[in-house]
Amino acid sequence: MTALTVILGIIAFFVLIFSIRFTVYMTYDEEFKLDISWLFIKLHILPKKEKPEKEKKPKKEKEPKEENKEQQPEEEKPKEKKDNIIVSFYKNQGFSGVLQLLKDTVNAINGMFGTIFRHFVFRELKVYMTVGASDAAETAQLYGKTCAAVFPAMGLITSTCKVKEYDCAVRPNFMAAEKTAIFRVVLSFRPIFATTAVVVLAFKLLFKVVFKLLKNKPKEPVNKVSETQNANNIKEDKNI
C-alpha cells in the first residue's frame, strides 16, 4: 500500500508539473530573438552569445605519410539532419525567411503533429510586411503573391489555435525597392497536451504497422505430401 501511494504521488507530481504553462517569446526586427519562460525561470535561447576565442598555440605540422589510396576505403558522408522550424528560420531570416516560416508552420499543422497545435495559445500574434520592387507593376505583382502566401497561412493558424491578440498587415512600397518583415509572437502551451498527443500518435502508428504486417503475412505453403496422400485415399475409396 505504501509503494502504491508513493507511485501515485510521483505521477500526480509530474502531471502537476507538466500542466503548468510554458511560454515562448519570439520577435523579429532585423534580428531574431527567442526567450522561454516557465514558472519563475526565464531563459534566453537566441541569439547565442559569442564566446571569446582562446588563443590557440601553433601546432607542429607532421609530415604526411605516403599511403596507398586504393587500399583506403572511401569515408561515408554523414547524412544531413533536417533542422526544425525555428532553427531553419534562424539560419535564413529576412523577408524570404518569414515566408518560409509561415509555410513550414502550415505544413506542421497539416502534418502528423497537427493535433498538438490545437492546444497552443497565442497571447500575441502580429506580423507586418512591406514589399517594394523596381517599378509599380512589379511591386503590385509582388504584393499580390505575398498576400496570397501570408493571409491563408495566418488564417489557418488563427482557426486552429487559440489567438487572443492578433494583427497582420502587408503593405506595398511604391517609393523604394525593398522588402521588410517584422513579427512578434507570444506563445504558451501545457506540455502535458504535447506528451499525450505524442503517445496517442505513437500508438496509432504502432497499430497501423501491426495491421499491415498481419495483412501482408505470407500464406503457409501447402504440404505436397498430404495432397498426394489425400489423392491416394480418394482412389482407394473409389475402388472399394
Protein backbone atom coordinates (compact mmCIF):
# COMPACT_ATOMS: atom_id res chain seq x y z
CA MET A 1 0.00 0.00 0.00
CA THR A 2 2.84 2.37 0.82
CA ALA A 3 4.53 1.67 -2.56
CA LEU A 4 1.26 2.36 -4.42
CA THR A 5 0.85 5.66 -2.57
CA VAL A 6 4.40 6.70 -3.49
CA ILE A 7 3.85 5.81 -7.16
CA LEU A 8 0.57 7.73 -7.30
CA GLY A 9 2.23 10.70 -5.60
CA ILE A 10 5.05 10.72 -8.19
CA ILE A 11 2.53 10.51 -11.06
CA ALA A 12 0.46 13.35 -9.57
CA PHE A 13 3.62 15.46 -9.16
CA PHE A 14 4.63 15.05 -12.81
CA VAL A 15 1.07 15.67 -14.00
CA LEU A 16 1.02 18.91 -11.99
CA ILE A 17 4.43 19.99 -13.29
CA PHE A 18 3.56 19.28 -16.93
CA SER A 19 0.24 21.11 -16.54
CA ILE A 20 1.98 24.44 -15.85
CA ARG A 21 2.08 26.68 -18.92
CA PHE A 22 5.30 27.01 -20.90
CA THR A 23 5.68 30.41 -22.63
CA VAL A 24 7.77 31.20 -25.72
CA TYR A 25 8.63 34.77 -26.78
CA MET A 26 9.71 35.28 -30.40
CA THR A 27 10.43 38.62 -32.01
CA TYR A 28 12.00 39.53 -35.34
CA ASP A 29 13.01 43.02 -36.40
CA GLU A 30 16.23 42.64 -38.41
CA GLU A 31 17.32 40.21 -35.66
CA PHE A 32 15.60 37.09 -34.34
CA LYS A 33 15.20 36.76 -30.57
CA LEU A 34 13.87 33.72 -28.74
CA ASP A 35 13.18 33.54 -25.00
CA ILE A 36 11.49 30.83 -22.93
CA SER A 37 9.86 31.15 -19.52
CA TRP A 38 8.41 28.55 -17.15
CA LEU A 39 7.33 29.31 -13.61
CA PHE A 40 9.96 31.75 -12.30
CA ILE A 41 12.60 30.62 -14.80
CA LYS A 42 13.35 32.66 -17.92
CA LEU A 43 15.98 31.58 -20.45
CA HIS A 44 17.45 33.45 -23.40
CA ILE A 45 17.91 30.97 -26.27
CA LEU A 46 18.67 33.03 -29.39
CA PRO A 47 20.77 34.79 -30.50
CA LYS A 48 23.55 32.88 -28.84
CA LYS A 49 26.19 34.87 -27.06
CA GLU A 50 29.53 34.57 -28.76
CA LYS A 51 32.24 33.23 -26.51
CA PRO A 52 35.65 34.89 -26.73
CA GLU A 53 38.01 32.75 -28.72
CA LYS A 54 41.02 31.45 -26.88
CA GLU A 55 44.41 31.86 -28.44
CA LYS A 56 45.43 28.57 -29.96
CA LYS A 57 49.03 27.52 -29.81
CA PRO A 58 50.50 26.72 -33.20
CA LYS A 59 50.86 23.01 -33.70
CA LYS A 60 53.83 21.45 -35.36
CA GLU A 61 52.97 20.18 -38.78
CA LYS A 62 53.53 16.48 -39.18
CA GLU A 63 55.00 15.15 -42.38
CA PRO A 64 52.31 13.42 -44.39
CA LYS A 65 52.80 9.69 -44.68
CA GLU A 66 52.59 8.05 -48.08
CA GLU A 67 49.62 5.72 -48.10
CA ASN A 68 48.13 3.61 -50.77
CA LYS A 69 44.92 5.39 -51.76
CA GLU A 70 43.49 2.29 -53.43
CA GLN A 71 43.54 0.35 -50.16
CA GLN A 72 41.80 3.10 -48.18
CA PRO A 73 38.01 2.72 -48.17
CA GLU A 74 36.05 5.83 -49.03
CA GLU A 75 34.57 7.50 -45.96
CA GLU A 76 30.81 7.71 -45.96
CA LYS A 77 29.47 11.21 -45.64
CA PRO A 78 27.15 11.64 -42.65
CA LYS A 79 23.52 12.30 -43.56
CA GLU A 80 22.44 15.88 -43.08
CA LYS A 81 19.79 16.27 -40.37
CA LYS A 82 16.78 18.42 -41.14
CA ASP A 83 16.51 21.49 -38.96
CA ASN A 84 13.30 22.23 -37.10
CA ILE A 85 11.17 25.26 -37.94
CA ILE A 86 12.86 27.64 -35.50
CA VAL A 87 16.45 26.65 -36.32
CA SER A 88 15.73 26.83 -40.06
CA PHE A 89 14.38 30.38 -39.70
CA TYR A 90 17.29 31.44 -37.50
CA LYS A 91 19.69 30.37 -40.27
CA ASN A 92 17.77 32.10 -43.06
CA GLN A 93 15.84 35.05 -41.51
CA GLY A 94 14.97 38.02 -43.71
CA PHE A 95 11.80 38.54 -45.75
CA SER A 96 12.03 35.17 -47.52
CA GLY A 97 12.78 33.51 -44.20
CA VAL A 98 9.50 34.79 -42.70
CA LEU A 99 7.55 33.47 -45.70
CA GLN A 100 9.26 30.11 -45.35
CA LEU A 101 8.49 30.10 -41.61
CA LEU A 102 4.77 30.56 -42.36
CA LYS A 103 4.93 27.80 -44.98
CA ASP A 104 6.66 25.40 -42.57
CA THR A 105 4.08 26.21 -39.88
CA VAL A 106 1.24 25.37 -42.27
CA ASN A 107 2.92 22.08 -43.19
CA ALA A 108 3.33 21.24 -39.49
CA ILE A 109 -0.35 21.98 -38.75
CA ASN A 110 -1.47 19.83 -41.69
CA GLY A 111 1.01 17.08 -40.75
CA MET A 112 1.13 14.36 -38.13
CA PHE A 113 1.52 16.74 -35.19
CA GLY A 114 -1.43 18.94 -36.12
CA THR A 115 -3.38 17.91 -33.02
CA ILE A 116 -0.70 19.48 -30.80
CA PHE A 117 -1.28 22.92 -32.33
CA ARG A 118 -4.88 22.93 -31.11
CA HIS A 119 -3.59 23.30 -27.56
CA PHE A 120 -1.38 26.31 -28.39
CA VAL A 121 -2.49 29.70 -27.10
CA PHE A 122 -1.14 32.78 -28.88
CA ARG A 123 -1.22 35.70 -26.48
CA GLU A 124 0.20 37.82 -29.29
CA LEU A 125 0.43 37.09 -32.99
CA LYS A 126 1.48 40.11 -35.02
CA VAL A 127 3.04 40.12 -38.49
CA TYR A 128 3.86 43.22 -40.55
CA MET A 129 5.38 43.07 -44.03
CA THR A 130 6.29 45.67 -46.64
CA VAL A 131 7.05 44.84 -50.28
CA GLY A 132 8.62 47.03 -52.93
CA ALA A 133 10.24 46.49 -56.33
CA SER A 134 11.90 48.49 -59.08
CA ASP A 135 8.62 49.67 -60.66
CA ALA A 136 4.95 49.92 -59.76
CA ALA A 137 3.83 46.93 -61.86
CA GLU A 138 6.39 44.60 -60.31
CA THR A 139 5.53 45.93 -56.84
CA ALA A 140 1.84 45.15 -57.43
CA GLN A 141 2.65 41.60 -58.55
CA LEU A 142 4.92 41.03 -55.57
CA TYR A 143 2.28 42.46 -53.26
CA GLY A 144 -0.33 40.03 -54.63
CA LYS A 145 1.97 37.00 -54.28
CA THR A 146 2.89 37.98 -50.72
CA CYS A 147 -0.76 38.41 -49.70
CA ALA A 148 -1.60 35.03 -51.25
CA ALA A 149 1.11 33.40 -49.14
CA VAL A 150 0.63 35.26 -45.85
CA PHE A 151 -3.12 35.60 -45.24
CA PRO A 152 -4.15 31.95 -45.89
CA ALA A 153 -1.34 30.79 -43.56
CA MET A 154 -2.37 33.25 -40.83
CA GLY A 155 -6.00 32.24 -41.29
CA LEU A 156 -5.13 28.57 -40.76
CA ILE A 157 -3.14 29.40 -37.61
CA THR A 158 -5.95 31.51 -36.13
CA SER A 159 -8.58 28.87 -36.93
CA THR A 160 -6.52 26.00 -35.50
CA CYS A 161 -5.03 27.65 -32.39
CA LYS A 162 -6.41 29.99 -29.75
CA VAL A 163 -5.35 33.58 -30.53
CA LYS A 164 -6.01 36.41 -28.05
CA GLU A 165 -4.29 39.41 -29.70
CA TYR A 166 -3.91 39.33 -33.48
CA ASP A 167 -2.77 41.74 -36.17
CA CYS A 168 -1.44 41.19 -39.68
CA ALA A 169 -0.69 43.67 -42.45
CA VAL A 170 1.03 43.59 -45.85
CA ARG A 171 1.73 46.98 -47.42
CA PRO A 172 3.12 47.85 -50.87
CA ASN A 173 6.00 50.31 -51.04
CA PHE A 174 5.98 52.18 -54.37
CA MET A 175 8.77 54.55 -53.31
CA ALA A 176 11.65 52.11 -52.66
CA ALA A 177 12.64 48.66 -53.87
CA GLU A 178 12.91 46.97 -50.52
CA LYS A 179 11.22 44.14 -48.64
CA THR A 180 10.87 44.08 -44.86
CA ALA A 181 9.22 41.76 -42.34
CA ILE A 182 8.56 42.15 -38.62
CA PHE A 183 6.74 39.83 -36.25
CA ARG A 184 6.10 39.32 -32.56
CA VAL A 185 4.79 36.05 -31.14
CA VAL A 186 3.99 35.17 -27.53
CA LEU A 187 3.01 31.53 -27.41
CA SER A 188 2.04 29.41 -24.40
CA PHE A 189 1.08 25.76 -24.03
CA ARG A 190 0.88 23.00 -21.45
CA PRO A 191 3.50 20.26 -22.03
CA ILE A 192 1.07 17.58 -20.84
CA PHE A 193 -1.03 18.02 -24.01
CA ALA A 194 2.06 17.60 -26.19
CA THR A 195 3.16 14.40 -24.41
CA THR A 196 -0.38 12.99 -24.56
CA ALA A 197 -0.65 13.73 -28.29
CA VAL A 198 2.74 12.11 -28.96
CA VAL A 199 1.75 8.96 -27.03
CA VAL A 200 -1.56 8.72 -28.92
CA LEU A 201 0.23 9.22 -32.25
CA ALA A 202 2.79 6.52 -31.35
CA PHE A 203 0.00 4.03 -30.58
CA LYS A 204 -1.77 4.85 -33.85
CA LEU A 205 1.41 4.29 -35.85
CA LEU A 206 2.08 1.06 -33.94
CA PHE A 207 -1.39 -0.29 -34.72
CA LYS A 208 -1.01 0.66 -38.39
CA VAL A 209 2.31 -1.18 -38.63
CA VAL A 210 0.92 -4.27 -36.87
CA PHE A 211 -2.17 -4.23 -39.12
CA LYS A 212 0.00 -4.06 -42.26
CA LEU A 213 2.19 -6.91 -41.03
CA LEU A 214 -0.86 -9.08 -40.34
CA LYS A 215 -2.42 -8.16 -43.68
CA ASN A 216 0.76 -8.90 -45.66
CA LYS A 217 1.54 -12.10 -43.75
CA PRO A 218 2.67 -14.78 -46.24
CA LYS A 219 0.39 -17.80 -46.58
CA GLU A 220 1.69 -21.13 -45.32
CA PRO A 221 2.91 -23.41 -48.14
CA VAL A 222 0.66 -26.40 -48.83
CA ASN A 223 2.20 -29.74 -47.90
CA LYS A 224 2.60 -31.69 -51.14
CA VAL A 225 2.90 -34.99 -49.28
CA SER A 226 -0.51 -34.52 -47.67
CA GLU A 227 -2.02 -33.73 -51.10
CA THR A 228 -0.72 -36.95 -52.62
CA GLN A 229 -1.96 -38.94 -49.62
CA ASN A 230 -5.43 -37.42 -49.98
CA ALA A 231 -5.46 -38.26 -53.69
CA ASN A 232 -4.48 -41.89 -52.98
CA ASN A 233 -7.18 -42.17 -50.32
CA ILE A 234 -9.81 -40.93 -52.79
CA LYS A 235 -8.69 -43.51 -55.38
CA GLU A 236 -8.87 -46.33 -52.83
CA ASP A 237 -12.39 -45.27 -51.82
CA LYS A 238 -13.50 -45.35 -55.47
CA ASN A 239 -12.02 -48.83 -55.98
CA ILE A 240 -13.86 -50.14 -52.94
